[in-house]
Amino acid sequence: MCLRNLRSLFLKLPLSVLYEVFPMSFLMEQAGGQAFTGKQLALDLVRTKIHERSPIFLGSYDDIQEIKALYVAE
Protein backbone atom coordinates (compact mmCIF):
# COMPACT_ATOMS: atom_id res chain seq x y z
CA MET A 1 0.00 0.00 0.00
CA CYS A 2 1.29 3.44 -0.92
CA LEU A 3 2.37 5.84 1.86
CA ARG A 4 -0.13 8.42 0.62
CA ASN A 5 -2.97 5.88 0.95
CA LEU A 6 -1.86 4.94 4.47
CA ARG A 7 -1.70 8.58 5.51
CA SER A 8 -5.17 9.35 4.14
CA LEU A 9 -6.54 6.24 5.87
CA PHE A 10 -4.92 7.29 9.15
CA LEU A 11 -6.38 10.80 8.93
CA LYS A 12 -9.90 9.39 8.52
CA LEU A 13 -9.73 7.19 11.63
CA PRO A 14 -11.34 8.52 14.78
CA LEU A 15 -9.15 8.86 17.88
CA SER A 16 -9.15 6.61 20.92
CA VAL A 17 -11.35 8.23 23.56
CA LEU A 18 -9.39 7.15 26.61
CA TYR A 19 -5.83 7.76 25.42
CA GLU A 20 -6.16 10.61 22.91
CA VAL A 21 -9.52 12.43 23.06
CA PHE A 22 -9.74 12.93 26.84
CA PRO A 23 -6.16 14.19 27.40
CA MET A 24 -6.22 16.57 24.42
CA SER A 25 -9.69 17.81 25.37
CA PHE A 26 -8.61 18.49 28.94
CA LEU A 27 -5.58 20.49 27.80
CA MET A 28 -7.59 22.43 25.23
CA GLU A 29 -10.29 23.39 27.74
CA GLN A 30 -7.69 24.40 30.34
CA ALA A 31 -6.16 26.70 27.72
CA GLY A 32 -9.53 28.39 27.11
CA GLY A 33 -10.63 26.45 24.01
CA GLN A 34 -13.17 23.72 23.42
CA ALA A 35 -13.23 20.12 22.28
CA PHE A 36 -16.32 18.92 20.39
CA THR A 37 -17.14 15.46 19.02
CA GLY A 38 -19.85 16.53 16.61
CA LYS A 39 -22.60 15.66 19.11
CA GLN A 40 -21.38 16.91 22.48
CA LEU A 41 -18.40 18.30 24.32
CA ALA A 42 -15.61 15.73 24.39
CA LEU A 43 -15.21 15.72 28.17
CA ASP A 44 -18.93 14.95 28.53
CA LEU A 45 -18.47 11.61 26.73
CA VAL A 46 -19.26 8.51 28.74
CA ARG A 47 -17.17 5.71 27.33
CA THR A 48 -18.65 2.22 27.25
CA LYS A 49 -15.62 0.27 25.98
CA ILE A 50 -11.94 0.69 26.73
CA HIS A 51 -11.00 1.01 23.05
CA GLU A 52 -13.91 3.22 22.03
CA ARG A 53 -13.09 5.76 19.29
CA SER A 54 -14.53 9.18 18.52
CA PRO A 55 -14.01 12.07 16.10
CA ILE A 56 -12.91 15.35 17.67
CA PHE A 57 -12.71 19.04 16.83
CA LEU A 58 -10.20 21.04 18.86
CA GLY A 59 -9.92 24.81 18.70
CA SER A 60 -10.59 28.17 20.21
CA TYR A 61 -13.94 28.83 21.85
CA ASP A 62 -15.16 30.88 18.87
CA ASP A 63 -14.02 28.33 16.26
CA ILE A 64 -15.85 25.48 17.99
CA GLN A 65 -18.97 27.64 18.35
CA GLU A 66 -18.93 28.03 14.53
CA ILE A 67 -18.60 24.25 14.10
CA LYS A 68 -21.48 23.67 16.51
CA ALA A 69 -23.62 26.12 14.50
CA LEU A 70 -22.88 24.15 11.33
CA TYR A 71 -23.89 20.88 12.98
CA VAL A 72 -27.12 22.40 14.29
CA ALA A 73 -27.92 23.71 10.81
CA GLU A 74 -27.81 20.19 9.34
PDB file of N, CA and C in Angstrom:
ATOM      1  N   MET A   1       0.845  -1.178   0.000  1.00  0.00           N
ATOM      2  CA  MET A   1       0.000   0.000   0.000  1.00  0.00           C
ATOM      3  C   MET A   1       0.890   1.240   0.000  1.00  0.00           C
ATOM      4  N   CYS A   2       0.536   2.198  -0.773  1.00  0.00           N
ATOM      5  CA  CYS A   2       1.288   3.440  -0.922  1.00  0.00           C
ATOM      6  C   CYS A   2       1.234   4.271   0.372  1.00  0.00           C
ATOM      7  N   LEU A   3       2.302   4.998   0.663  1.00  0.00           N
ATOM      8  CA  LEU A   3       2.365   5.836   1.859  1.00  0.00           C
ATOM      9  C   LEU A   3       1.254   6.872   1.867  1.00  0.00           C
ATOM     10  N   ARG A   4       0.944   7.431   0.716  1.00  0.00           N
ATOM     11  CA  ARG A   4      -0.129   8.422   0.615  1.00  0.00           C
ATOM     12  C   ARG A   4      -1.465   7.797   1.026  1.00  0.00           C
ATOM     13  N   ASN A   5      -1.728   6.566   0.586  1.00  0.00           N
ATOM     14  CA  ASN A   5      -2.972   5.884   0.953  1.00  0.00           C
ATOM     15  C   ASN A   5      -3.024   5.602   2.447  1.00  0.00           C
ATOM     16  N   LEU A   6      -1.896   5.199   3.031  1.00  0.00           N
ATOM     17  CA  LEU A   6      -1.859   4.944   4.467  1.00  0.00           C
ATOM     18  C   LEU A   6      -2.114   6.219   5.254  1.00  0.00           C
ATOM     19  N   ARG A   7      -1.521   7.313   4.804  1.00  0.00           N
ATOM     20  CA  ARG A   7      -1.698   8.584   5.506  1.00  0.00           C
ATOM     21  C   ARG A   7      -3.153   9.034   5.424  1.00  0.00           C
ATOM     22  N   SER A   8      -3.776   8.924   4.260  1.00  0.00           N
ATOM     23  CA  SER A   8      -5.166   9.350   4.138  1.00  0.00           C
ATOM     24  C   SER A   8      -6.081   8.449   4.957  1.00  0.00           C
ATOM     25  N   LEU A   9      -5.759   7.165   5.046  1.00  0.00           N
ATOM     26  CA  LEU A   9      -6.537   6.245   5.872  1.00  0.00           C
ATOM     27  C   LEU A   9      -6.394   6.625   7.334  1.00  0.00           C
ATOM     28  N   PHE A  10      -5.167   6.925   7.761  1.00  0.00           N
ATOM     29  CA  PHE A  10      -4.922   7.292   9.153  1.00  0.00           C
ATOM     30  C   PHE A  10      -5.671   8.566   9.531  1.00  0.00           C
ATOM     31  N   LEU A  11      -5.717   9.542   8.637  1.00  0.00           N
ATOM     32  CA  LEU A  11      -6.382  10.803   8.934  1.00  0.00           C
ATOM     33  C   LEU A  11      -7.891  10.648   9.047  1.00  0.00           C
ATOM     34  N   LYS A  12      -8.455   9.603   8.460  1.00  0.00           N
ATOM     35  CA  LYS A  12      -9.895   9.392   8.522  1.00  0.00           C
ATOM     36  C   LYS A  12     -10.321   8.631   9.778  1.00  0.00           C
ATOM     37  N   LEU A  13      -9.380   7.985  10.459  1.00  0.00           N
ATOM     38  CA  LEU A  13      -9.727   7.188  11.626  1.00  0.00           C
ATOM     39  C   LEU A  13     -10.027   8.074  12.821  1.00  0.00           C
ATOM     40  N   PRO A  14     -11.088   7.762  13.560  1.00  0.00           N
ATOM     41  CA  PRO A  14     -11.340   8.521  14.778  1.00  0.00           C
ATOM     42  C   PRO A  14     -10.302   8.173  15.847  1.00  0.00           C
ATOM     43  N   LEU A  15     -10.161   9.038  16.837  1.00  0.00           N
ATOM     44  CA  LEU A  15      -9.154   8.862  17.876  1.00  0.00           C
ATOM     45  C   LEU A  15      -9.686   8.027  19.029  1.00  0.00           C
ATOM     46  N   SER A  16      -8.797   7.372  19.738  1.00  0.00           N
ATOM     47  CA  SER A  16      -9.149   6.611  20.925  1.00  0.00           C
ATOM     48  C   SER A  16      -9.606   7.584  22.007  1.00  0.00           C
ATOM     49  N   VAL A  17     -10.778   7.328  22.573  1.00  0.00           N
ATOM     50  CA  VAL A  17     -11.349   8.233  23.562  1.00  0.00           C
ATOM     51  C   VAL A  17     -10.488   8.306  24.812  1.00  0.00           C
ATOM     52  N   LEU A  18     -10.101   7.178  25.338  1.00  0.00           N
ATOM     53  CA  LEU A  18      -9.387   7.145  26.610  1.00  0.00           C
ATOM     54  C   LEU A  18      -7.985   7.724  26.531  1.00  0.00           C
ATOM     55  N   TYR A  19      -7.240   7.396  25.487  1.00  0.00           N
ATOM     56  CA  TYR A  19      -5.826   7.758  25.420  1.00  0.00           C
ATOM     57  C   TYR A  19      -5.523   9.013  24.604  1.00  0.00           C
ATOM     58  N   GLU A  20      -6.437   9.464  23.774  1.00  0.00           N
ATOM     59  CA  GLU A  20      -6.160  10.611  22.910  1.00  0.00           C
ATOM     60  C   GLU A  20      -7.189  11.729  23.073  1.00  0.00           C
ATOM     61  N   VAL A  21      -8.479  11.399  23.016  1.00  0.00           N
ATOM     62  CA  VAL A  21      -9.517  12.431  23.065  1.00  0.00           C
ATOM     63  C   VAL A  21      -9.571  13.105  24.432  1.00  0.00           C
ATOM     64  N   PHE A  22      -9.633  12.334  25.507  1.00  0.00           N
ATOM     65  CA  PHE A  22      -9.742  12.934  26.837  1.00  0.00           C
ATOM     66  C   PHE A  22      -8.543  13.801  27.205  1.00  0.00           C
ATOM     67  N   PRO A  23      -7.294  13.328  27.040  1.00  0.00           N
ATOM     68  CA  PRO A  23      -6.162  14.193  27.403  1.00  0.00           C
ATOM     69  C   PRO A  23      -6.077  15.479  26.576  1.00  0.00           C
ATOM     70  N   MET A  24      -6.282  15.370  25.251  1.00  0.00           N
ATOM     71  CA  MET A  24      -6.220  16.570  24.416  1.00  0.00           C
ATOM     72  C   MET A  24      -7.364  17.528  24.744  1.00  0.00           C
ATOM     73  N   SER A  25      -8.540  16.982  25.020  1.00  0.00           N
ATOM     74  CA  SER A  25      -9.693  17.811  25.367  1.00  0.00           C
ATOM     75  C   SER A  25      -9.458  18.549  26.671  1.00  0.00           C
ATOM     76  N   PHE A  26      -8.888  17.857  27.657  1.00  0.00           N
ATOM     77  CA  PHE A  26      -8.606  18.492  28.938  1.00  0.00           C
ATOM     78  C   PHE A  26      -7.638  19.657  28.762  1.00  0.00           C
ATOM     79  N   LEU A  27      -6.564  19.423  28.022  1.00  0.00           N
ATOM     80  CA  LEU A  27      -5.582  20.490  27.804  1.00  0.00           C
ATOM     81  C   LEU A  27      -6.181  21.666  27.042  1.00  0.00           C
ATOM     82  N   MET A  28      -6.989  21.368  26.040  1.00  0.00           N
ATOM     83  CA  MET A  28      -7.593  22.426  25.235  1.00  0.00           C
ATOM     84  C   MET A  28      -8.546  23.271  26.083  1.00  0.00           C
ATOM     85  N   GLU A  29      -9.349  22.632  26.924  1.00  0.00           N
ATOM     86  CA  GLU A  29     -10.286  23.389  27.742  1.00  0.00           C
ATOM     87  C   GLU A  29      -9.572  24.172  28.839  1.00  0.00           C
ATOM     88  N   GLN A  30      -8.472  23.659  29.353  1.00  0.00           N
ATOM     89  CA  GLN A  30      -7.690  24.401  30.344  1.00  0.00           C
ATOM     90  C   GLN A  30      -7.038  25.630  29.722  1.00  0.00           C
ATOM     91  N   ALA A  31      -6.775  25.580  28.428  1.00  0.00           N
ATOM     92  CA  ALA A  31      -6.163  26.701  27.718  1.00  0.00           C
ATOM     93  C   ALA A  31      -7.203  27.712  27.230  1.00  0.00           C
ATOM     94  N   GLY A  32      -8.487  27.446  27.488  1.00  0.00           N
ATOM     95  CA  GLY A  32      -9.533  28.391  27.105  1.00  0.00           C
ATOM     96  C   GLY A  32     -10.273  28.024  25.837  1.00  0.00           C
ATOM     97  N   GLY A  33      -9.951  26.885  25.229  1.00  0.00           N
ATOM     98  CA  GLY A  33     -10.625  26.451  24.008  1.00  0.00           C
ATOM     99  C   GLY A  33     -11.730  25.455  24.308  1.00  0.00           C
ATOM    100  N   GLN A  34     -12.136  24.740  23.283  1.00  0.00           N
ATOM    101  CA  GLN A  34     -13.175  23.720  23.417  1.00  0.00           C
ATOM    102  C   GLN A  34     -12.783  22.488  22.631  1.00  0.00           C
ATOM    103  N   ALA A  35     -13.375  21.375  23.005  1.00  0.00           N
ATOM    104  CA  ALA A  35     -13.229  20.118  22.280  1.00  0.00           C
ATOM    105  C   ALA A  35     -14.633  19.567  22.048  1.00  0.00           C
ATOM    106  N   PHE A  36     -14.966  19.301  20.796  1.00  0.00           N
ATOM    107  CA  PHE A  36     -16.322  18.917  20.390  1.00  0.00           C
ATOM    108  C   PHE A  36     -16.249  17.666  19.543  1.00  0.00           C
ATOM    109  N   THR A  37     -17.158  16.718  19.771  1.00  0.00           N
ATOM    110  CA  THR A  37     -17.145  15.462  19.023  1.00  0.00           C
ATOM    111  C   THR A  37     -18.076  15.467  17.823  1.00  0.00           C
ATOM    112  N   GLY A  38     -18.848  16.500  17.667  1.00  0.00           N
ATOM    113  CA  GLY A  38     -19.855  16.528  16.611  1.00  0.00           C
ATOM    114  C   GLY A  38     -21.242  16.348  17.186  1.00  0.00           C
ATOM    115  N   LYS A  39     -21.319  15.853  18.425  1.00  0.00           N
ATOM    116  CA  LYS A  39     -22.601  15.663  19.106  1.00  0.00           C
ATOM    117  C   LYS A  39     -22.618  16.324  20.478  1.00  0.00           C
ATOM    118  N   GLN A  40     -21.466  16.351  21.132  1.00  0.00           N
ATOM    119  CA  GLN A  40     -21.382  16.906  22.483  1.00  0.00           C
ATOM    120  C   GLN A  40     -19.949  17.305  22.775  1.00  0.00           C
ATOM    121  N   LEU A  41     -19.759  17.972  23.899  1.00  0.00           N
ATOM    122  CA  LEU A  41     -18.401  18.304  24.316  1.00  0.00           C
ATOM    123  C   LEU A  41     -17.654  17.013  24.626  1.00  0.00           C
ATOM    124  N   ALA A  42     -16.383  16.970  24.272  1.00  0.00           N
ATOM    125  CA  ALA A  42     -15.613  15.732  24.389  1.00  0.00           C
ATOM    126  C   ALA A  42     -15.490  15.251  25.828  1.00  0.00           C
ATOM    127  N   LEU A  43     -15.345  16.155  26.780  1.00  0.00           N
ATOM    128  CA  LEU A  43     -15.208  15.723  28.168  1.00  0.00           C
ATOM    129  C   LEU A  43     -16.527  15.251  28.772  1.00  0.00           C
ATOM    130  N   ASP A  44     -17.636  15.452  28.071  1.00  0.00           N
ATOM    131  CA  ASP A  44     -18.926  14.950  28.531  1.00  0.00           C
ATOM    132  C   ASP A  44     -19.208  13.536  28.027  1.00  0.00           C
ATOM    133  N   LEU A  45     -18.299  12.983  27.226  1.00  0.00           N
ATOM    134  CA  LEU A  45     -18.473  11.613  26.726  1.00  0.00           C
ATOM    135  C   LEU A  45     -18.453  10.622  27.884  1.00  0.00           C
ATOM    136  N   VAL A  46     -19.300   9.624  27.799  1.00  0.00           N
ATOM    137  CA  VAL A  46     -19.264   8.511  28.738  1.00  0.00           C
ATOM    138  C   VAL A  46     -18.855   7.295  27.918  1.00  0.00           C
ATOM    139  N   ARG A  47     -17.643   6.833  28.143  1.00  0.00           N
ATOM    140  CA  ARG A  47     -17.174   5.709  27.329  1.00  0.00           C
ATOM    141  C   ARG A  47     -17.772   4.408  27.839  1.00  0.00           C
ATOM    142  N   THR A  48     -18.054   3.509  26.905  1.00  0.00           N
ATOM    143  CA  THR A  48     -18.650   2.219  27.249  1.00  0.00           C
ATOM    144  C   THR A  48     -17.671   1.068  27.059  1.00  0.00           C
ATOM    145  N   LYS A  49     -16.653   1.283  26.223  1.00  0.00           N
ATOM    146  CA  LYS A  49     -15.617   0.266  25.984  1.00  0.00           C
ATOM    147  C   LYS A  49     -14.256   0.917  26.155  1.00  0.00           C
ATOM    148  N   ILE A  50     -13.269   0.140  26.505  1.00  0.00           N
ATOM    149  CA  ILE A  50     -11.937   0.692  26.734  1.00  0.00           C
ATOM    150  C   ILE A  50     -11.301   1.209  25.445  1.00  0.00           C
ATOM    151  N   HIS A  51     -11.608   0.597  24.315  1.00  0.00           N
ATOM    152  CA  HIS A  51     -10.997   1.006  23.048  1.00  0.00           C
ATOM    153  C   HIS A  51     -11.981   1.766  22.166  1.00  0.00           C
ATOM    154  N   GLU A  52     -12.932   2.434  22.777  1.00  0.00           N
ATOM    155  CA  GLU A  52     -13.911   3.223  22.025  1.00  0.00           C
ATOM    156  C   GLU A  52     -13.210   4.361  21.284  1.00  0.00           C
ATOM    157  N   ARG A  53     -13.715   4.718  20.116  1.00  0.00           N
ATOM    158  CA  ARG A  53     -13.094   5.759  19.290  1.00  0.00           C
ATOM    159  C   ARG A  53     -14.131   6.849  19.016  1.00  0.00           C
ATOM    160  N   SER A  54     -13.630   8.052  18.756  1.00  0.00           N
ATOM    161  CA  SER A  54     -14.525   9.177  18.524  1.00  0.00           C
ATOM    162  C   SER A  54     -13.826  10.227  17.665  1.00  0.00           C
ATOM    163  N   PRO A  55     -14.585  10.907  16.801  1.00  0.00           N
ATOM    164  CA  PRO A  55     -14.010  12.068  16.099  1.00  0.00           C
ATOM    165  C   PRO A  55     -13.889  13.219  17.088  1.00  0.00           C
ATOM    166  N   ILE A  56     -13.075  14.212  16.764  1.00  0.00           N
ATOM    167  CA  ILE A  56     -12.912  15.347  17.673  1.00  0.00           C
ATOM    168  C   ILE A  56     -12.532  16.601  16.893  1.00  0.00           C
ATOM    169  N   PHE A  57     -13.081  17.713  17.335  1.00  0.00           N
ATOM    170  CA  PHE A  57     -12.714  19.036  16.831  1.00  0.00           C
ATOM    171  C   PHE A  57     -12.102  19.789  17.997  1.00  0.00           C
ATOM    172  N   LEU A  58     -10.886  20.268  17.834  1.00  0.00           N
ATOM    173  CA  LEU A  58     -10.202  21.042  18.863  1.00  0.00           C
ATOM    174  C   LEU A  58      -9.953  22.439  18.332  1.00  0.00           C
ATOM    175  N   GLY A  59     -10.201  23.454  19.156  1.00  0.00           N
ATOM    176  CA  GLY A  59      -9.925  24.808  18.701  1.00  0.00           C
ATOM    177  C   GLY A  59     -10.309  25.843  19.721  1.00  0.00           C
ATOM    178  N   SER A  60     -10.214  27.084  19.326  1.00  0.00           N
ATOM    179  CA  SER A  60     -10.590  28.172  20.210  1.00  0.00           C
ATOM    180  C   SER A  60     -12.099  28.117  20.459  1.00  0.00           C
ATOM    181  N   TYR A  61     -12.523  28.819  21.490  1.00  0.00           N
ATOM    182  CA  TYR A  61     -13.936  28.830  21.847  1.00  0.00           C
ATOM    183  C   TYR A  61     -14.789  29.277  20.663  1.00  0.00           C
ATOM    184  N   ASP A  62     -14.382  30.333  19.991  1.00  0.00           N
ATOM    185  CA  ASP A  62     -15.160  30.877  18.870  1.00  0.00           C
ATOM    186  C   ASP A  62     -15.191  29.921  17.679  1.00  0.00           C
ATOM    187  N   ASP A  63     -14.071  29.279  17.386  1.00  0.00           N
ATOM    188  CA  ASP A  63     -14.020  28.330  16.264  1.00  0.00           C
ATOM    189  C   ASP A  63     -14.968  27.159  16.488  1.00  0.00           C
ATOM    190  N   ILE A  64     -14.982  26.635  17.701  1.00  0.00           N
ATOM    191  CA  ILE A  64     -15.849  25.484  17.988  1.00  0.00           C
ATOM    192  C   ILE A  64     -17.316  25.911  18.001  1.00  0.00           C
ATOM    193  N   GLN A  65     -17.596  27.148  18.418  1.00  0.00           N
ATOM    194  CA  GLN A  65     -18.973  27.641  18.348  1.00  0.00           C
ATOM    195  C   GLN A  65     -19.448  27.667  16.896  1.00  0.00           C
ATOM    196  N   GLU A  66     -18.579  28.038  15.959  1.00  0.00           N
ATOM    197  CA  GLU A  66     -18.929  28.026  14.534  1.00  0.00           C
ATOM    198  C   GLU A  66     -19.208  26.605  14.056  1.00  0.00           C
ATOM    199  N   ILE A  67     -18.391  25.651  14.480  1.00  0.00           N
ATOM    200  CA  ILE A  67     -18.602  24.248  14.095  1.00  0.00           C
ATOM    201  C   ILE A  67     -19.915  23.737  14.663  1.00  0.00           C
ATOM    202  N   LYS A  68     -20.214  24.081  15.912  1.00  0.00           N
ATOM    203  CA  LYS A  68     -21.485  23.668  16.509  1.00  0.00           C
ATOM    204  C   LYS A  68     -22.662  24.239  15.721  1.00  0.00           C
ATOM    205  N   ALA A  69     -22.544  25.493  15.292  1.00  0.00           N
ATOM    206  CA  ALA A  69     -23.622  26.116  14.504  1.00  0.00           C
ATOM    207  C   ALA A  69     -23.828  25.372  13.182  1.00  0.00           C
ATOM    208  N   LEU A  70     -22.745  24.917  12.567  1.00  0.00           N
ATOM    209  CA  LEU A  70     -22.876  24.150  11.330  1.00  0.00           C
ATOM    210  C   LEU A  70     -23.555  22.805  11.564  1.00  0.00           C
ATOM    211  N   TYR A  71     -23.248  22.154  12.673  1.00  0.00           N
ATOM    212  CA  TYR A  71     -23.885  20.877  12.984  1.00  0.00           C
ATOM    213  C   TYR A  71     -25.356  21.051  13.316  1.00  0.00           C
ATOM    214  N   VAL A  72     -25.726  22.133  13.981  1.00  0.00           N
ATOM    215  CA  VAL A  72     -27.125  22.397  14.291  1.00  0.00           C
ATOM    216  C   VAL A  72     -27.903  22.681  13.017  1.00  0.00           C
ATOM    217  N   ALA A  73     -27.258  23.355  12.061  1.00  0.00           N
ATOM    218  CA  ALA A  73     -27.923  23.713  10.810  1.00  0.00           C
ATOM    219  C   ALA A  73     -28.270  22.486   9.969  1.00  0.00           C
ATOM    220  N   GLU A  74     -27.545  21.384  10.151  1.00  0.00           N
ATOM    221  CA  GLU A  74     -27.813  20.185   9.338  1.00  0.00           C
ATOM    222  C   GLU A  74     -29.017  19.435   9.780  1.00  0.00           C
TER     223      GLU A  74
END
